[in-house]
Amino acid sequence: MRNRNIDIFISGAGPAGLLASLSFASLGYSVFCVDPKKPVTQSNEDGADLRTTAFLQPAKTFMASLGLWEKLEPFAIPMEIMRIIDSEGDNWPPRETTAKDFLASEISDLPFGWNIPNWLLRRTLLENAMEYSNLELKFGLTTSSIIRRDDAAFVYLNDGSQIKSKLIIGADGRDSLVRDKSQIKISKREFPQKALTFIVTHERPHKNASIEIHRSGGPFTFVPLADFEGKPCSSVVWMDSNKNVKRLLTLKTKEFEEEANNRSCMHLGKLRVISEISDWPIISQLAKQLTAKRTALIAEAAHVLPPIGAQGLNMSLADIKSLHELAKSPSRLGNINEILSKYEQSRNLDIKTRVLGINALNEVSKSSISVAQKSRTLGINFLHSSPKIRHRLMQLGLGLKGPN
């Protein structure tokens, strides 16, 4: 590959990297995006990401402005109810003790969000990228080194090619090479938990509800999907202790289904697993800063948090939207230092607040201490009992400002 002179270099072509690429390409910038792995765009391929992403209202609005939502909407399942359930901590199988519904209709004419499988999201984004002549995607390439100067940054790839760029965006995940080569430090916390992700059919319809069933070890969450072979279907994220996850992964399918049925309190009836089961470590990670010279970090290169409350990719989209708005200025990338400074200021507080909040929720959710379990039940009841508090909580979760 010959050397290139472009506006924006993006490392990482996962959902966040692709969305950033499309965002800047839509503004007319020349964009070059690389990723070491070939994309997986079918659910039955090896390496398929069977997790789902719930796009909350602000994310949907931003994607619509890029012309993306109309292509994703046919596959999106609305989430109109968020049901929070607490289950008895010490008994097995557990039973429901508290269940409260938070309704999107109380604060908006729209659902809380729309759920889309990650493999399908990536396929749609890749198809859309083909429509931009100013966007080039290359797979099988990684960043070897970066040199930053006042007038430009130079990225050297593992195939020996050189990219001269005005701005580098690190969208290359929690082990970001761009972050590492920018000498940006991180704070990291490893929880003694893992998340199991898989897809199930169930006897009772989900009625467009996202359902979190809390118990010591972590929540068991149903996220609604389209019917599968005429049966109600949901994606599951099951957080539990490392020890129990290790045990669960040794079980045969029928044994695993029995455990999942018990853990779900049979809330949607009998479950049948219809996908591979993946496991993911639970960590919280925060970059000490979001920018370096001619460099911005987004998504998991900047922040990682436990999979609670659909915050992950929605926070990433907020990163992208912030840079997108700043790059629309008349000076374009002429005043890159000002753009990066404003990006740092605009995102820093929100990111730190949400990471701290999700960490706290995870601690309460996974705790096996009886006081914490009682606090969890009391907290659910309290937050639901006051319409004002309930509505404000839902607005904050969506990233909406709402009334004071």
Protein backbone atom coordinates (compact mmCIF):
# COMPACT_ATOMS: atom_id res chain seq x y z
CA MET A 1 0.00 0.00 0.00
CA ARG A 2 1.39 3.40 -0.97
CA ASN A 3 1.83 6.17 1.56
CA ARG A 4 -1.23 8.29 2.14
CA ASN A 5 -2.01 11.88 3.09
CA ILE A 6 -5.46 12.10 4.71
CA ASP A 7 -7.48 14.16 7.17
CA ILE A 8 -8.39 11.59 9.82
CA PHE A 9 -6.83 8.24 10.70
CA ILE A 10 -8.97 5.88 12.80
CA SER A 11 -7.55 2.83 14.52
CA GLY A 12 -10.27 0.22 15.09
CA ALA A 13 -13.21 -0.84 12.92
CA GLY A 14 -15.58 -2.18 15.52
CA PRO A 15 -18.98 -0.48 15.81
CA ALA A 16 -17.49 2.66 17.40
CA GLY A 17 -14.66 2.96 14.86
CA LEU A 18 -17.03 2.45 11.94
CA LEU A 19 -19.52 4.97 13.32
CA ALA A 20 -16.72 7.51 13.78
CA SER A 21 -15.50 6.84 10.23
CA LEU A 22 -18.98 7.37 8.79
CA SER A 23 -19.51 10.46 10.93
CA PHE A 24 -16.39 12.23 9.65
CA ALA A 25 -16.81 10.99 6.09
CA SER A 26 -20.28 12.56 6.10
CA LEU A 27 -18.63 15.93 6.82
CA GLY A 28 -16.42 15.57 3.76
CA TYR A 29 -13.17 14.58 5.50
CA SER A 30 -10.89 11.99 3.97
CA VAL A 31 -10.88 9.08 6.44
CA PHE A 32 -8.61 6.04 6.65
CA CYS A 33 -9.65 3.29 9.10
CA VAL A 34 -7.70 0.13 9.93
CA ASP A 35 -8.38 -2.96 12.02
CA PRO A 36 -6.25 -6.07 12.59
CA LYS A 37 -9.21 -8.45 12.28
CA LYS A 38 -11.44 -9.29 9.35
CA PRO A 39 -15.04 -8.29 10.16
CA VAL A 40 -17.56 -10.99 11.07
CA THR A 41 -20.95 -10.13 9.61
CA GLN A 42 -23.01 -13.30 10.05
CA SER A 43 -24.38 -14.71 13.30
CA ASN A 44 -23.21 -18.26 12.52
CA GLU A 45 -19.60 -17.36 11.67
CA ASP A 46 -16.74 -18.09 14.04
CA GLY A 47 -16.00 -15.04 16.14
CA ALA A 48 -19.45 -13.50 15.69
CA ASP A 49 -20.30 -10.96 18.38
CA LEU A 50 -23.61 -12.26 19.69
CA ARG A 51 -24.05 -9.38 22.10
CA THR A 52 -26.60 -6.72 21.31
CA THR A 53 -26.58 -2.95 21.58
CA ALA A 54 -29.52 -0.97 22.87
CA PHE A 55 -29.44 2.40 21.14
CA LEU A 56 -30.97 4.96 23.48
CA GLN A 57 -32.95 7.96 22.21
CA PRO A 58 -30.03 10.44 21.79
CA ALA A 59 -27.98 7.81 19.95
CA LYS A 60 -30.85 7.07 17.59
CA THR A 61 -31.27 10.78 16.83
CA PHE A 62 -27.57 11.16 16.00
CA MET A 63 -27.55 8.07 13.79
CA ALA A 64 -30.63 9.33 11.97
CA SER A 65 -28.76 12.58 11.24
CA LEU A 66 -26.06 10.49 9.53
CA GLY A 67 -28.63 8.65 7.40
CA LEU A 68 -27.93 5.37 9.20
CA TRP A 69 -31.07 4.79 11.19
CA GLU A 70 -33.36 4.11 8.24
CA LYS A 71 -31.12 1.14 7.36
CA LEU A 72 -31.02 -0.22 10.91
CA GLU A 73 -34.63 0.40 11.87
CA PRO A 74 -36.05 -2.72 10.15
CA PHE A 75 -33.90 -4.86 12.48
CA ALA A 76 -34.39 -2.80 15.65
CA ILE A 77 -36.66 -4.00 18.45
CA PRO A 78 -38.06 -1.16 20.59
CA MET A 79 -37.61 -1.26 24.36
CA GLU A 80 -40.70 0.30 25.90
CA ILE A 81 -40.39 -1.12 29.42
CA MET A 82 -37.44 -1.47 31.77
CA ARG A 83 -38.37 -4.03 34.42
CA ILE A 84 -36.16 -4.25 37.50
CA ILE A 85 -36.60 -7.39 39.59
CA ASP A 86 -34.91 -8.35 42.83
CA SER A 87 -34.72 -12.01 43.75
CA GLU A 88 -34.04 -13.74 47.04
CA GLY A 89 -30.31 -13.99 47.53
CA ASP A 90 -29.56 -17.18 49.48
CA ASN A 91 -32.12 -19.68 48.22
CA TRP A 92 -31.77 -21.76 45.05
CA PRO A 93 -33.63 -21.62 42.85
CA PRO A 94 -34.25 -17.94 43.60
CA ARG A 95 -37.68 -16.38 43.61
CA GLU A 96 -38.81 -12.87 42.75
CA THR A 97 -39.26 -10.58 45.75
CA THR A 98 -39.69 -7.17 44.08
CA ALA A 99 -40.58 -6.21 40.51
CA LYS A 100 -41.04 -2.68 39.21
CA ASP A 101 -41.71 -1.43 35.69
CA PHE A 102 -40.26 1.83 34.37
CA LEU A 103 -42.31 2.92 31.35
CA ALA A 104 -40.91 4.95 28.47
CA SER A 105 -44.38 6.40 27.87
CA GLU A 106 -44.09 8.32 31.15
CA ILE A 107 -41.32 10.57 29.79
CA SER A 108 -41.54 10.37 25.99
CA ASP A 109 -43.55 9.33 22.96
CA LEU A 110 -40.59 7.15 21.99
CA PRO A 111 -39.24 3.90 23.44
CA PHE A 112 -36.25 3.99 25.79
CA GLY A 113 -34.17 2.54 23.00
CA TRP A 114 -33.93 0.02 20.19
CA ASN A 115 -32.03 -3.26 20.41
CA ILE A 116 -29.84 -4.49 17.52
CA PRO A 117 -27.49 -7.52 17.35
CA ASN A 118 -23.85 -6.40 17.17
CA TRP A 119 -22.93 -8.63 14.21
CA LEU A 120 -25.82 -7.18 12.21
CA LEU A 121 -24.94 -3.63 13.25
CA ARG A 122 -21.39 -4.08 12.01
CA ARG A 123 -22.58 -5.53 8.69
CA THR A 124 -24.90 -2.57 8.10
CA LEU A 125 -22.17 -0.05 8.95
CA LEU A 126 -19.72 -1.76 6.59
CA GLU A 127 -22.28 -1.71 3.78
CA ASN A 128 -22.88 1.99 4.37
CA ALA A 129 -19.13 2.71 4.36
CA MET A 130 -18.96 1.47 0.76
CA GLU A 131 -21.06 4.48 -0.27
CA TYR A 132 -18.30 6.98 0.64
CA SER A 133 -15.45 7.52 -1.81
CA ASN A 134 -13.60 9.54 0.85
CA LEU A 135 -13.61 6.63 3.35
CA GLU A 136 -11.14 3.77 3.04
CA LEU A 137 -11.23 0.66 5.26
CA LYS A 138 -8.29 -1.73 5.54
CA PHE A 139 -8.31 -4.97 7.52
CA GLY A 140 -5.33 -7.00 8.71
CA LEU A 141 -3.36 -3.86 9.60
CA THR A 142 -2.18 -2.52 12.95
CA THR A 143 -0.39 0.61 14.11
CA SER A 144 3.34 0.08 14.64
CA SER A 145 4.38 3.59 15.64
CA ILE A 146 3.16 7.18 15.73
CA ILE A 147 5.11 10.41 15.33
CA ARG A 148 3.34 13.67 16.15
CA ARG A 149 4.48 17.03 14.87
CA ASP A 150 2.97 20.50 15.03
CA ASP A 151 1.69 20.33 11.45
CA ALA A 152 0.66 16.65 11.24
CA ALA A 153 0.83 13.17 12.71
CA PHE A 154 2.52 10.23 11.00
CA VAL A 155 1.21 6.71 11.53
CA TYR A 156 3.37 3.75 10.51
CA LEU A 157 1.50 0.50 9.89
CA ASN A 158 2.70 -3.09 10.19
CA ASP A 159 2.88 -3.46 6.39
CA GLY A 160 5.48 -0.67 6.24
CA SER A 161 3.17 2.02 4.88
CA GLN A 162 2.96 5.55 6.26
CA ILE A 163 -0.18 7.62 6.82
CA LYS A 164 0.10 11.38 7.23
CA SER A 165 -2.94 12.65 9.11
CA LYS A 166 -4.26 15.81 10.74
CA LEU A 167 -6.06 13.85 13.48
CA ILE A 168 -5.69 10.35 14.94
CA ILE A 169 -8.67 8.71 16.62
CA GLY A 170 -8.12 5.72 18.86
CA ALA A 171 -11.18 3.46 18.64
CA ASP A 172 -9.14 0.31 19.15
CA GLY A 173 -10.66 -1.00 22.34
CA ARG A 174 -9.70 -1.51 25.95
CA ASP A 175 -6.13 -2.56 25.01
CA SER A 176 -5.73 0.43 22.70
CA LEU A 177 -2.41 0.69 20.84
CA VAL A 178 -3.10 4.35 20.10
CA ARG A 179 -3.59 5.07 23.80
CA ASP A 180 -0.45 3.14 24.68
CA LYS A 181 1.67 4.89 22.05
CA SER A 182 0.25 8.23 23.22
CA GLN A 183 1.52 7.41 26.74
CA ILE A 184 -1.94 7.97 28.21
CA LYS A 185 -2.30 6.12 31.49
CA ILE A 186 -5.42 4.34 32.71
CA SER A 187 -7.11 3.49 35.98
CA LYS A 188 -8.41 -0.06 35.90
CA ARG A 189 -10.49 -2.20 38.20
CA GLU A 190 -11.09 -5.89 37.61
CA PHE A 191 -14.27 -7.27 39.13
CA PRO A 192 -14.37 -10.94 40.22
CA GLN A 193 -17.11 -11.48 37.64
CA LYS A 194 -17.70 -12.45 34.06
CA ALA A 195 -20.65 -11.93 31.74
CA LEU A 196 -22.15 -14.79 29.76
CA THR A 197 -23.91 -13.73 26.56
CA PHE A 198 -26.25 -15.91 24.52
CA ILE A 199 -29.63 -15.89 22.77
CA VAL A 200 -32.72 -17.73 23.98
CA THR A 201 -36.29 -18.41 22.96
CA HIS A 202 -38.87 -18.36 25.74
CA GLU A 203 -42.49 -19.34 26.30
CA ARG A 204 -43.96 -15.94 27.17
CA PRO A 205 -43.62 -12.82 25.00
CA HIS A 206 -41.21 -10.14 26.23
CA LYS A 207 -43.64 -7.36 25.25
CA ASN A 208 -40.69 -5.13 24.31
CA ALA A 209 -39.37 -5.16 27.86
CA SER A 210 -35.74 -5.15 28.95
CA ILE A 211 -35.72 -7.19 32.16
CA GLU A 212 -32.99 -7.14 34.83
CA ILE A 213 -33.25 -9.84 37.51
CA HIS A 214 -30.88 -9.01 40.35
CA ARG A 215 -29.25 -11.48 42.69
CA SER A 216 -25.86 -11.84 44.36
CA GLY A 217 -23.22 -12.33 41.68
CA GLY A 218 -24.79 -9.85 39.28
CA PRO A 219 -27.90 -9.26 37.17
CA PHE A 220 -29.47 -11.68 34.69
CA THR A 221 -30.75 -9.45 31.88
CA PHE A 222 -33.16 -10.15 29.03
CA VAL A 223 -32.95 -7.74 26.09
CA PRO A 224 -35.78 -8.12 23.53
CA LEU A 225 -35.13 -9.44 20.03
CA ALA A 226 -37.35 -10.30 17.07
CA ASP A 227 -39.14 -13.67 17.17
CA PHE A 228 -37.10 -16.70 16.11
CA GLU A 229 -38.98 -19.39 14.18
CA GLY A 230 -42.25 -18.06 15.53
CA LYS A 231 -41.13 -18.03 19.17
CA PRO A 232 -40.41 -15.04 21.45
CA CYS A 233 -36.68 -14.38 21.58
CA SER A 234 -34.27 -12.36 23.71
CA SER A 235 -30.57 -11.77 24.13
CA VAL A 236 -29.27 -12.61 27.61
CA VAL A 237 -26.43 -11.06 29.58
CA TRP A 238 -25.80 -13.13 32.70
CA MET A 239 -23.26 -11.63 35.10
CA ASP A 240 -21.94 -13.88 37.84
CA SER A 241 -18.83 -14.71 39.85
CA ASN A 242 -15.78 -16.04 38.03
CA LYS A 243 -16.12 -19.29 39.95
CA ASN A 244 -19.73 -19.87 38.95
CA VAL A 245 -19.18 -18.85 35.33
CA LYS A 246 -16.32 -21.34 35.08
CA ARG A 247 -18.67 -24.04 36.39
CA LEU A 248 -21.51 -23.05 34.06
CA LEU A 249 -19.27 -23.23 31.00
CA THR A 250 -18.52 -26.90 31.71
CA LEU A 251 -22.20 -27.88 31.60
CA LYS A 252 -23.94 -29.59 28.73
CA THR A 253 -26.65 -27.60 26.95
CA LYS A 254 -29.60 -29.12 28.83
CA GLU A 255 -27.85 -28.64 32.18
CA PHE A 256 -27.00 -25.06 31.31
CA GLU A 257 -30.59 -24.37 30.27
CA GLU A 258 -31.81 -25.71 33.61
CA GLU A 259 -29.47 -23.35 35.45
CA ALA A 260 -30.58 -20.42 33.27
CA ASN A 261 -34.24 -21.24 33.86
CA ASN A 262 -33.70 -21.25 37.61
CA ARG A 263 -31.63 -18.05 37.57
CA SER A 264 -34.27 -16.25 35.48
CA CYS A 265 -36.97 -17.17 38.04
CA MET A 266 -38.86 -18.53 35.01
CA HIS A 267 -39.98 -14.95 34.44
CA LEU A 268 -40.52 -15.51 30.71
CA GLY A 269 -41.23 -19.20 31.02
CA LYS A 270 -38.96 -22.00 29.90
CA LEU A 271 -35.80 -20.92 28.07
CA ARG A 272 -34.04 -22.64 25.18
CA VAL A 273 -30.52 -21.58 24.21
CA ILE A 274 -30.23 -21.11 20.43
CA SER A 275 -26.72 -19.67 20.09
CA GLU A 276 -23.16 -20.17 21.21
CA ILE A 277 -22.37 -19.00 24.74
CA SER A 278 -19.66 -16.36 25.05
CA ASP A 279 -17.97 -15.10 28.20
CA TRP A 280 -16.50 -11.65 28.85
CA PRO A 281 -14.45 -10.33 31.77
CA ILE A 282 -16.06 -7.53 33.80
CA ILE A 283 -13.77 -4.55 34.24
CA SER A 284 -14.01 -0.83 34.79
CA GLN A 285 -11.36 1.21 33.03
CA LEU A 286 -10.87 4.93 32.53
CA ALA A 287 -8.23 6.78 30.53
CA LYS A 288 -6.56 9.49 32.60
CA GLN A 289 -7.08 11.85 29.67
CA LEU A 290 -9.00 11.67 26.41
CA THR A 291 -6.52 13.49 24.20
CA ALA A 292 -2.86 13.80 23.30
CA LYS A 293 -1.14 15.80 20.57
CA ARG A 294 -3.29 15.42 17.42
CA THR A 295 -5.00 12.44 19.05
CA ALA A 296 -8.42 11.70 20.55
CA LEU A 297 -9.59 8.54 22.29
CA ILE A 298 -13.17 7.31 21.98
CA ALA A 299 -15.24 4.34 23.12
CA GLU A 300 -13.46 1.53 24.99
CA ALA A 301 -10.08 3.09 24.32
CA ALA A 302 -11.33 5.85 26.65
CA HIS A 303 -13.76 4.08 28.98
CA VAL A 304 -14.92 0.55 29.82
CA LEU A 305 -17.66 -0.27 32.30
CA PRO A 306 -19.78 -3.25 33.37
CA PRO A 307 -22.69 -4.08 30.98
CA ILE A 308 -25.44 -2.46 33.05
CA GLY A 309 -27.99 0.09 31.84
CA ALA A 310 -27.05 0.04 28.13
CA GLN A 311 -24.40 2.70 28.69
CA GLY A 312 -21.42 1.29 26.75
CA LEU A 313 -21.88 2.10 23.05
CA ASN A 314 -24.21 4.97 23.88
CA MET A 315 -21.34 6.67 25.73
CA SER A 316 -19.16 5.94 22.70
CA LEU A 317 -21.70 7.61 20.42
CA ALA A 318 -21.67 10.64 22.71
CA ASP A 319 -17.88 10.78 22.22
CA ILE A 320 -18.30 10.62 18.44
CA LYS A 321 -21.08 13.20 18.41
CA SER A 322 -18.95 15.63 20.43
CA LEU A 323 -16.04 15.36 17.98
CA HIS A 324 -18.45 15.49 15.03
CA GLU A 325 -19.97 18.77 16.23
CA LEU A 326 -16.56 20.31 16.95
CA ALA A 327 -15.22 19.28 13.53
CA LYS A 328 -18.15 21.01 11.80
CA SER A 329 -16.72 24.42 12.78
CA PRO A 330 -15.61 26.79 10.02
CA SER A 331 -11.94 26.27 10.93
CA ARG A 332 -12.43 22.53 10.34
CA LEU A 333 -9.24 20.82 11.54
CA GLY A 334 -7.17 23.99 11.24
CA ASN A 335 -7.25 24.60 14.96
CA ILE A 336 -6.83 21.02 16.13
CA ASN A 337 -5.62 21.99 19.61
CA GLU A 338 -8.84 23.89 20.30
CA ILE A 339 -10.98 21.00 19.03
CA LEU A 340 -9.17 18.51 21.27
CA SER A 341 -9.34 20.81 24.29
CA LYS A 342 -13.08 21.29 23.86
CA TYR A 343 -13.59 17.56 23.35
CA GLU A 344 -11.79 16.81 26.61
CA GLN A 345 -13.89 19.39 28.45
CA SER A 346 -17.20 18.28 26.95
CA ARG A 347 -16.84 14.57 27.72
CA ASN A 348 -14.71 14.30 30.84
CA LEU A 349 -17.32 14.87 33.56
CA ASP A 350 -20.06 12.79 31.92
CA ILE A 351 -17.74 9.82 31.40
CA LYS A 352 -16.39 9.87 34.95
CA THR A 353 -19.87 10.27 36.45
CA ARG A 354 -21.32 7.36 34.48
CA VAL A 355 -18.38 5.05 35.17
CA LEU A 356 -18.59 5.75 38.90
CA GLY A 357 -22.37 5.30 38.86
CA ILE A 358 -22.29 1.98 37.00
CA ASN A 359 -19.50 0.70 39.25
CA ALA A 360 -21.62 1.51 42.30
CA LEU A 361 -24.68 -0.19 40.80
CA ASN A 362 -22.62 -3.28 40.04
CA GLU A 363 -21.31 -3.45 43.61
CA VAL A 364 -24.83 -3.33 45.03
CA SER A 365 -26.15 -5.74 42.42
CA LYS A 366 -23.53 -8.45 42.95
CA SER A 367 -23.29 -8.22 46.71
CA SER A 368 -24.14 -11.29 48.78
CA ILE A 369 -24.22 -9.29 52.02
CA SER A 370 -27.73 -9.27 53.47
CA VAL A 371 -27.62 -5.53 54.22
CA ALA A 372 -26.75 -4.78 50.60
CA GLN A 373 -29.49 -7.13 49.38
CA LYS A 374 -32.07 -5.37 51.55
CA SER A 375 -30.75 -1.99 50.39
CA ARG A 376 -31.15 -3.13 46.79
CA THR A 377 -34.81 -4.02 47.36
CA LEU A 378 -35.51 -0.82 49.29
CA GLY A 379 -33.72 1.22 46.62
CA ILE A 380 -35.81 -0.24 43.80
CA ASN A 381 -39.02 0.47 45.72
CA PHE A 382 -37.93 4.01 46.64
CA LEU A 383 -36.84 5.00 43.14
CA HIS A 384 -40.09 3.70 41.69
CA SER A 385 -42.40 5.19 44.34
CA SER A 386 -41.90 8.87 43.47
CA PRO A 387 -42.97 9.85 39.93
CA LYS A 388 -40.59 12.84 39.97
CA ILE A 389 -37.58 10.74 41.01
CA ARG A 390 -38.60 7.92 38.67
CA HIS A 391 -38.90 10.23 35.68
CA ARG A 392 -35.62 12.00 36.43
CA LEU A 393 -33.83 8.68 36.81
CA MET A 394 -35.11 7.50 33.43
CA GLN A 395 -34.06 10.78 31.77
CA LEU A 396 -30.56 10.55 33.25
CA GLY A 397 -30.23 6.95 32.10
CA LEU A 398 -31.10 7.99 28.56
CA GLY A 399 -28.72 10.93 28.63
CA LEU A 400 -31.58 13.41 28.39
CA LYS A 401 -31.39 16.66 30.33
CA GLY A 402 -35.06 16.83 31.24
CA PRO A 403 -36.50 19.41 33.62
CA ASN A 404 -34.53 20.55 36.64
